[in-house]
Amino acid sequence: MTYLLQALTERAGEFIRLRRDIHRNPELAFEEHRTAALVADKLEGWGYAVERGVGGTGVVGRLVRGEGSRRLGLRADMDALPIVEASGREWASARAGVMHACGHDGHTAMLLAAARHLAEQGRFSGTLNLVFQPAEEGGGGALRMMDDGLFERYPCDAVFAMHNMPGIPQGHMVMREGAMMASSDYATIVLSGVGGHGAMPHKAVDPLVAAASIVMALQTIVSRNIDPLQPAVVTVGALHAGHANNVIPATATLELTVRALDRDARATLERRIRELVQFQAQSFGVEADIQWRPGYSVLVNSAEETAFAREVAVELLGADRVTLQGEPLTGSEDFAFMLERVPGSYVLIGNDGDPSQAGSSCMVHNPGYDFNDGNIAVGSAYWVLLAERFLPVGTQH
């Protein structure tokens, strides 16, 4: 597949410039109006049938060719994060407090580069649906697009998505069958006691002491209620109580993030957190109010589609640049909702490059992060080859 990589490399400059333009003009969840318009205009110019405003600011481009009946979906996310950029790049964000700290600018550019090649030179027969999704960063844009009829209007036999990953050599691809990304749930726990003077604690009911005990007790759930072979996380990220050293506060508030890589483990975590918090609160004489906010589902890659994704990667890059069964991640991704509806696979592409360059090895969601432009050619070539292999010419289905 050297010829395909060469062809996409020769055209990468146009899409590197486009990626940097998107990076310079980042937009938060459901505010991706400029980015969506840019994407839609490009797709229309290349001959795609385009629908704008899917799920708010989402864009779908469809290209039908030949007599094949198979239907493929490829998805890229478009939103940025509320982070002040510190990458030092010439193309750094021009919007204060907003930056592409997760590489969605690069994901969009890779899929657009593939879209142009497939429109102009692609050899496929069937229906190609390109999904440019808003609000992946906690906004549930995938669900919003699906609720807006995404798969009813654009049915797919399989869907695929790609995400860059720092810590992996640039262009190296990682696949995984089964659970790849964790579920994410959130809880706010408000403990209510009786405030009082710090010198007379016996005349108060201290919610802060209860909160401290609950923080420690929560750490036993993963170690004692979850199968040791099932990864799970319960993190108390915030504890707010009181303002003075001689005042016992009336309330204490805890903020939790909860992660699991198994659906049953996810349910167990919620049940045990609720039980433990209530019983611990009772033991200290305080009341507990638990506000549980379900987040993203466990992302599960289907076996057949992941095997296919591996074959395409090995064909394109060679076996030495593909990890066939990588480790799961405890981060979350709303592509999980699409995979609950349609079989498919979520793949990773390494983002590391020259370690002397700022941002080349920064983890995502870091102020110094930047997408590695070397991936524009590799990622777009992967999408082109996957589309051509999934929608082969001369084969009826």
Foldseek 3Di string as FASTA:
>chain_A
DVVLLVVLVVVLVVLVVQLLLCQQEAAAFLRCQVVLVVLQVLLVVLPWDKDAQQLRGKIKTKDADADAAAAEEEEAEGHWAQAAADQPDPSHYPDGRTGRQFCSSLQSSLQSSLSNCCSPPFFFHHMYMYIYFGDFPQRLRVVSNVVSPVCVVRPHQAYEYEGAFFPAPFFFKEFAAWFFEKWKKKKKKKKFWAKDWQVCCVVIQAVVVLVVVLQVVLVVCCVPVPDPVWDKDKDFPDKDADDDPTMRGRMIMTMIMIITRDPVVVVSSVVVSVVSSQVSSVVSPIHMDMDMGGTAHGAGAHDVQLVLLQVLSCVQPNPVRYHSHDDHYHHDTNVSVVCVVHHHTYMYGYQADPPVRFQRRDGGPDSNHDGRSVCSSSSSSSVSSSNCVSRPPPDYD
